[in-house]
Every structure is written in C-alpha cells, then in structure tokens.
N, C-alpha and C. Protein backbone atom coordinates (compact mmCIF):
# COMPACT_ATOMS: atom_id res chain seq x y z
N MET A 1 -17.65 -16.87 7.61
CA MET A 1 -17.46 -15.27 7.41
C MET A 1 -15.89 -15.22 7.24
N LYS A 2 -15.42 -14.38 6.38
CA LYS A 2 -14.01 -14.17 6.13
C LYS A 2 -13.56 -13.25 7.38
N VAL A 3 -12.28 -13.43 7.72
CA VAL A 3 -11.76 -12.51 8.76
C VAL A 3 -11.88 -11.09 8.51
N GLN A 4 -11.54 -10.74 7.24
CA GLN A 4 -11.64 -9.27 6.90
C GLN A 4 -13.00 -8.77 7.25
N ALA A 5 -14.01 -9.47 6.70
CA ALA A 5 -15.33 -9.04 6.87
C ALA A 5 -15.66 -8.96 8.41
N ILE A 6 -15.18 -9.82 9.20
CA ILE A 6 -15.42 -9.91 10.71
C ILE A 6 -14.86 -8.54 11.25
N ILE A 7 -13.61 -8.36 10.94
CA ILE A 7 -12.95 -7.19 11.37
C ILE A 7 -13.76 -5.80 11.10
N GLU A 8 -14.31 -5.71 9.79
CA GLU A 8 -14.98 -4.51 9.41
C GLU A 8 -16.26 -4.49 10.14
N ALA A 9 -17.05 -5.60 10.32
CA ALA A 9 -18.27 -5.64 11.09
C ALA A 9 -18.04 -5.26 12.53
N LYS A 10 -17.07 -5.74 13.08
CA LYS A 10 -16.85 -5.50 14.57
C LYS A 10 -16.54 -4.08 14.79
N ILE A 11 -15.71 -3.45 13.95
CA ILE A 11 -15.18 -2.06 14.21
C ILE A 11 -16.49 -1.09 13.92
N ASN A 12 -17.19 -1.55 12.81
CA ASN A 12 -18.29 -0.67 12.31
C ASN A 12 -19.37 -0.50 13.50
N THR A 13 -19.59 -1.74 14.09
CA THR A 13 -20.78 -1.83 15.17
C THR A 13 -20.34 -1.31 16.59
N GLN A 14 -18.96 -1.18 16.81
CA GLN A 14 -18.69 -0.87 18.18
C GLN A 14 -17.99 0.72 18.39
N ILE A 15 -17.79 1.21 17.26
CA ILE A 15 -17.23 2.63 17.45
C ILE A 15 -18.00 3.43 16.21
N ASP A 16 -18.08 4.71 16.36
CA ASP A 16 -18.64 5.65 15.46
C ASP A 16 -17.60 5.91 14.29
N VAL A 17 -17.68 5.10 13.29
CA VAL A 17 -16.61 5.14 12.09
C VAL A 17 -17.00 6.22 11.10
N GLU A 18 -16.07 7.07 10.87
CA GLU A 18 -16.25 8.05 9.69
C GLU A 18 -15.71 7.53 8.43
N TYR A 19 -14.42 6.81 8.58
CA TYR A 19 -13.90 6.15 7.36
C TYR A 19 -13.22 4.79 8.10
N LEU A 20 -13.33 3.78 7.29
CA LEU A 20 -12.81 2.49 7.60
C LEU A 20 -12.29 1.69 6.33
N ASN A 21 -11.06 1.42 6.26
CA ASN A 21 -10.51 0.57 5.37
C ASN A 21 -9.83 -0.62 5.86
N VAL A 22 -10.07 -1.77 5.72
CA VAL A 22 -9.34 -3.01 6.20
C VAL A 22 -8.69 -3.79 4.85
N GLU A 23 -7.43 -3.79 5.05
CA GLU A 23 -6.66 -4.45 3.85
C GLU A 23 -6.06 -5.74 4.51
N ASN A 24 -6.23 -6.76 3.59
CA ASN A 24 -5.64 -8.14 3.84
C ASN A 24 -4.29 -7.98 3.19
N GLU A 25 -3.15 -7.97 4.07
CA GLU A 25 -1.71 -7.92 3.54
C GLU A 25 -1.11 -9.21 3.63
N SER A 26 -1.83 -10.30 3.87
CA SER A 26 -1.26 -11.57 4.09
C SER A 26 -0.32 -11.97 2.87
N MET A 27 -0.69 -11.70 1.66
CA MET A 27 -0.05 -12.10 0.47
C MET A 27 1.38 -11.54 0.42
N ARG A 28 1.54 -10.39 1.20
CA ARG A 28 2.89 -9.75 1.10
C ARG A 28 3.86 -10.54 2.33
N HIS A 29 3.39 -11.49 2.86
CA HIS A 29 4.09 -12.27 3.91
C HIS A 29 4.32 -13.77 3.41
N ALA A 30 5.17 -14.29 4.29
CA ALA A 30 5.43 -15.71 4.05
C ALA A 30 4.43 -16.74 4.67
N VAL A 31 3.26 -16.70 4.03
CA VAL A 31 2.09 -17.43 4.45
C VAL A 31 1.49 -18.07 3.23
N PRO A 32 0.76 -19.16 3.46
CA PRO A 32 0.01 -19.81 2.27
C PRO A 32 -0.75 -19.07 1.42
N PRO A 33 -1.02 -19.26 0.31
CA PRO A 33 -2.02 -18.45 -0.57
C PRO A 33 -3.44 -18.51 0.13
N ASN A 34 -4.05 -17.42 -0.09
CA ASN A 34 -5.55 -17.07 0.51
C ASN A 34 -5.54 -16.93 1.98
N SER A 35 -4.39 -16.80 2.57
CA SER A 35 -4.43 -16.59 4.08
C SER A 35 -5.10 -15.22 4.48
N GLU A 36 -5.49 -15.27 5.80
CA GLU A 36 -6.11 -14.07 6.26
C GLU A 36 -5.46 -13.91 7.89
N THR A 37 -4.21 -13.52 7.60
CA THR A 37 -3.39 -13.42 9.03
C THR A 37 -2.78 -12.20 9.17
N HIS A 38 -2.59 -11.28 8.19
CA HIS A 38 -1.86 -10.10 8.24
C HIS A 38 -2.89 -9.00 7.82
N PHE A 39 -3.16 -7.86 8.57
CA PHE A 39 -4.07 -7.00 8.30
C PHE A 39 -3.78 -5.51 8.55
N LYS A 40 -4.03 -4.63 7.71
CA LYS A 40 -3.81 -3.31 8.00
C LYS A 40 -5.21 -2.53 8.00
N VAL A 41 -5.49 -1.85 9.30
CA VAL A 41 -6.80 -1.22 9.49
C VAL A 41 -6.61 0.39 9.59
N ILE A 42 -7.17 1.08 8.63
CA ILE A 42 -7.10 2.32 8.83
C ILE A 42 -8.59 2.96 9.19
N VAL A 43 -8.68 3.75 10.29
CA VAL A 43 -10.02 4.09 10.83
C VAL A 43 -9.96 5.49 11.32
N SER A 44 -11.00 6.32 10.79
CA SER A 44 -11.15 7.56 11.35
C SER A 44 -12.41 7.67 12.22
N SER A 45 -12.38 8.31 13.29
CA SER A 45 -13.57 8.35 14.20
C SER A 45 -13.45 9.56 15.07
N SER A 46 -14.58 10.29 15.32
CA SER A 46 -14.70 11.38 16.17
C SER A 46 -14.59 10.89 17.55
N GLN A 47 -14.68 9.57 18.00
CA GLN A 47 -14.50 8.99 19.25
C GLN A 47 -12.88 9.16 19.59
N PHE A 48 -12.01 9.22 18.62
CA PHE A 48 -10.63 9.27 18.90
C PHE A 48 -10.09 10.76 19.29
N ILE A 49 -11.11 11.79 19.13
CA ILE A 49 -10.77 13.18 19.60
C ILE A 49 -10.36 13.14 21.17
N GLY A 50 -9.12 13.71 21.38
CA GLY A 50 -8.70 13.77 22.74
C GLY A 50 -8.14 12.39 23.36
N MET A 51 -8.23 11.36 22.58
CA MET A 51 -7.62 10.14 22.94
C MET A 51 -6.28 9.76 22.43
N PRO A 52 -5.30 9.39 23.38
CA PRO A 52 -3.89 9.28 23.01
C PRO A 52 -3.86 8.02 21.95
N LEU A 53 -2.79 8.00 21.22
CA LEU A 53 -2.77 7.06 20.09
C LEU A 53 -2.80 5.51 20.82
N LEU A 54 -2.07 5.52 21.88
CA LEU A 54 -2.10 4.15 22.57
C LEU A 54 -3.56 3.74 22.89
N ALA A 55 -4.26 4.59 23.47
CA ALA A 55 -5.55 4.29 23.71
C ALA A 55 -6.47 3.94 22.63
N ARG A 56 -6.28 4.59 21.52
CA ARG A 56 -6.93 4.20 20.22
C ARG A 56 -6.72 2.84 19.93
N HIS A 57 -5.49 2.47 19.99
CA HIS A 57 -4.92 1.06 19.56
C HIS A 57 -5.57 0.02 20.58
N ARG A 58 -5.50 0.46 21.84
CA ARG A 58 -5.99 -0.51 22.80
C ARG A 58 -7.67 -0.66 22.59
N LEU A 59 -8.33 0.27 22.15
CA LEU A 59 -9.63 0.09 21.92
C LEU A 59 -9.94 -0.75 20.69
N ILE A 60 -9.25 -0.75 19.78
CA ILE A 60 -9.36 -1.49 18.58
C ILE A 60 -9.01 -2.84 18.75
N ASN A 61 -7.80 -3.04 19.53
CA ASN A 61 -7.32 -4.40 20.06
C ASN A 61 -8.24 -5.00 20.90
N ALA A 62 -9.02 -4.40 21.68
CA ALA A 62 -10.07 -4.93 22.47
C ALA A 62 -11.31 -5.45 21.72
N ILE A 63 -11.65 -4.65 20.75
CA ILE A 63 -12.75 -4.86 19.81
C ILE A 63 -12.34 -6.25 19.11
N LEU A 64 -11.02 -6.50 18.70
CA LEU A 64 -10.73 -7.55 17.93
C LEU A 64 -10.04 -8.65 18.69
N ALA A 65 -10.21 -8.62 19.98
CA ALA A 65 -9.55 -9.56 20.90
C ALA A 65 -9.64 -11.01 20.41
N GLU A 66 -10.83 -11.39 20.12
CA GLU A 66 -11.08 -12.86 19.80
C GLU A 66 -10.26 -13.26 18.40
N GLN A 67 -10.19 -12.25 17.57
CA GLN A 67 -9.43 -12.49 16.29
C GLN A 67 -7.93 -12.51 16.37
N LEU A 68 -7.51 -11.63 17.45
CA LEU A 68 -5.96 -11.48 17.68
C LEU A 68 -5.66 -12.66 18.42
N ALA A 69 -6.39 -13.48 19.17
CA ALA A 69 -6.18 -14.60 19.84
C ALA A 69 -6.11 -15.86 18.91
N GLY A 70 -6.64 -15.61 17.65
CA GLY A 70 -6.89 -16.72 16.78
C GLY A 70 -6.11 -16.49 15.34
N PRO A 71 -7.01 -16.20 14.50
CA PRO A 71 -6.44 -16.06 12.96
C PRO A 71 -5.51 -15.03 12.65
N ILE A 72 -5.53 -13.91 13.34
CA ILE A 72 -4.75 -12.70 13.06
C ILE A 72 -3.27 -12.84 13.87
N HIS A 73 -2.29 -12.75 12.91
CA HIS A 73 -0.99 -12.84 13.29
C HIS A 73 -0.24 -11.41 13.53
N ALA A 74 -0.76 -10.50 12.61
CA ALA A 74 -0.22 -9.18 12.57
C ALA A 74 -1.26 -8.17 12.20
N LEU A 75 -1.41 -7.05 12.98
CA LEU A 75 -2.46 -6.06 12.77
C LEU A 75 -1.67 -4.61 12.77
N ALA A 76 -1.68 -3.92 11.64
CA ALA A 76 -1.13 -2.59 11.55
C ALA A 76 -2.24 -1.69 11.69
N LEU A 77 -2.11 -0.81 12.73
CA LEU A 77 -3.39 0.11 12.98
C LEU A 77 -2.93 1.53 12.65
N HIS A 78 -3.81 2.23 11.87
CA HIS A 78 -3.81 3.63 11.62
C HIS A 78 -4.94 4.21 12.09
N THR A 79 -5.01 5.05 13.06
CA THR A 79 -6.12 5.46 13.62
C THR A 79 -6.07 7.02 13.81
N TYR A 80 -7.10 7.77 13.33
CA TYR A 80 -7.17 9.16 13.22
C TYR A 80 -8.41 9.79 13.58
N THR A 81 -8.39 10.96 14.04
CA THR A 81 -9.54 11.77 14.24
C THR A 81 -10.04 12.11 12.80
N PRO A 82 -11.17 12.59 12.62
CA PRO A 82 -11.53 13.12 11.34
C PRO A 82 -10.63 14.25 10.80
N GLU A 83 -10.25 15.07 11.71
CA GLU A 83 -9.38 16.31 11.31
C GLU A 83 -8.00 15.69 10.92
N GLN A 84 -7.44 14.90 11.65
CA GLN A 84 -6.10 14.23 11.25
C GLN A 84 -6.18 13.52 9.97
N TRP A 85 -7.27 12.83 9.69
CA TRP A 85 -7.38 12.06 8.51
C TRP A 85 -7.48 13.07 7.28
N SER A 86 -8.26 14.09 7.54
CA SER A 86 -8.23 15.17 6.39
C SER A 86 -7.00 15.86 6.18
N GLN A 87 -6.09 15.99 7.35
CA GLN A 87 -4.74 16.73 7.14
C GLN A 87 -3.82 15.68 6.34
N LYS A 88 -4.08 14.38 6.38
CA LYS A 88 -3.22 13.36 5.77
C LYS A 88 -3.79 13.19 4.21
N ASN A 89 -4.72 14.15 3.81
CA ASN A 89 -5.38 13.90 2.56
C ASN A 89 -5.94 12.51 2.14
N ASN A 90 -6.40 11.96 3.33
CA ASN A 90 -7.01 10.61 3.28
C ASN A 90 -6.24 9.62 2.72
N ILE A 91 -4.88 9.65 3.17
CA ILE A 91 -3.89 8.75 2.69
C ILE A 91 -2.99 8.12 3.90
N ALA A 92 -3.19 6.89 4.03
CA ALA A 92 -2.37 6.25 5.28
C ALA A 92 -1.08 5.81 4.73
N PRO A 93 -0.06 5.59 5.56
CA PRO A 93 1.24 5.01 5.22
C PRO A 93 1.19 3.74 4.51
N ILE A 94 2.07 3.57 3.53
CA ILE A 94 2.24 2.32 2.78
C ILE A 94 3.06 1.24 3.57
N SER A 95 2.47 0.15 3.65
CA SER A 95 3.22 -0.96 4.43
C SER A 95 4.38 -1.48 3.62
N SER A 96 5.40 -1.84 4.37
CA SER A 96 6.58 -2.36 3.77
C SER A 96 6.50 -3.92 3.59
N ASP A 97 7.21 -4.43 2.62
CA ASP A 97 7.11 -5.92 2.31
C ASP A 97 7.70 -6.63 3.51
N CYS A 98 7.32 -7.83 3.61
CA CYS A 98 7.89 -8.70 4.60
C CYS A 98 9.25 -9.11 4.25
N LEU A 99 10.31 -9.11 5.16
CA LEU A 99 11.55 -9.54 4.93
C LEU A 99 11.87 -10.87 5.32
N GLY A 100 10.90 -11.80 5.80
CA GLY A 100 10.94 -13.06 6.02
C GLY A 100 11.44 -13.14 7.55
N GLY A 101 11.24 -14.33 7.94
CA GLY A 101 11.64 -14.59 9.58
C GLY A 101 12.98 -14.32 9.90
N GLY A 102 13.15 -13.37 10.87
CA GLY A 102 14.50 -13.12 11.45
C GLY A 102 15.36 -12.18 10.70
N LYS A 103 14.75 -11.58 9.65
CA LYS A 103 15.77 -10.51 8.87
C LYS A 103 15.29 -9.16 9.26
C-alpha cells in the first residue's frame, strides 16, 4: 500500500473527518522520483473544536507515528475545525518549494 493511502486510511479511521486532503509533495524536494517522503495533510474535524493547534498536531502525529518513524521525512499539517475551514473558503496555504539542504 502506498504511504499516501496509509495516511488517508489511518486518519479517516481514527478521527471523525469532515474534510481530508493528503498531498504527496515529495516531487518538490531533493528526493528520487516517485518518492513518498514529504506530505501535506489538510484535515477538518469537529473533534478539533476547543482543541489547541498543538494538541491537534500531536493527535495526527500519534496516529501516524509508525510512518513518521519510517518513510515520512516531512509532514505539513493544516488542521481546522469545520467553522475554521469554512472561514478559509476551503483553501489551505500553498507550500513553498524546497530550497535544498542547508539553504
């Protein structure tokens, strides 16, 4: 199973997701073609209501602990309550391009 599919399955089964988008951003980094090492996760859930941002990120990191210890090198998390996601017009920040090691 591809890493992206594992991320999607784990998040979908462990929290009440209203919106989930997992983007493989590996091609924007200095990694071999077809890598699955850099991901952007956008998730909206009512479970995030009243939860500080750090707690949301810790929850997602705990869900993906096995992948973070292995194939995932970088994980950009954008976590929203349904109201916050709606206020953003369902648009998450655009990721910047990789500058290369040490730049």
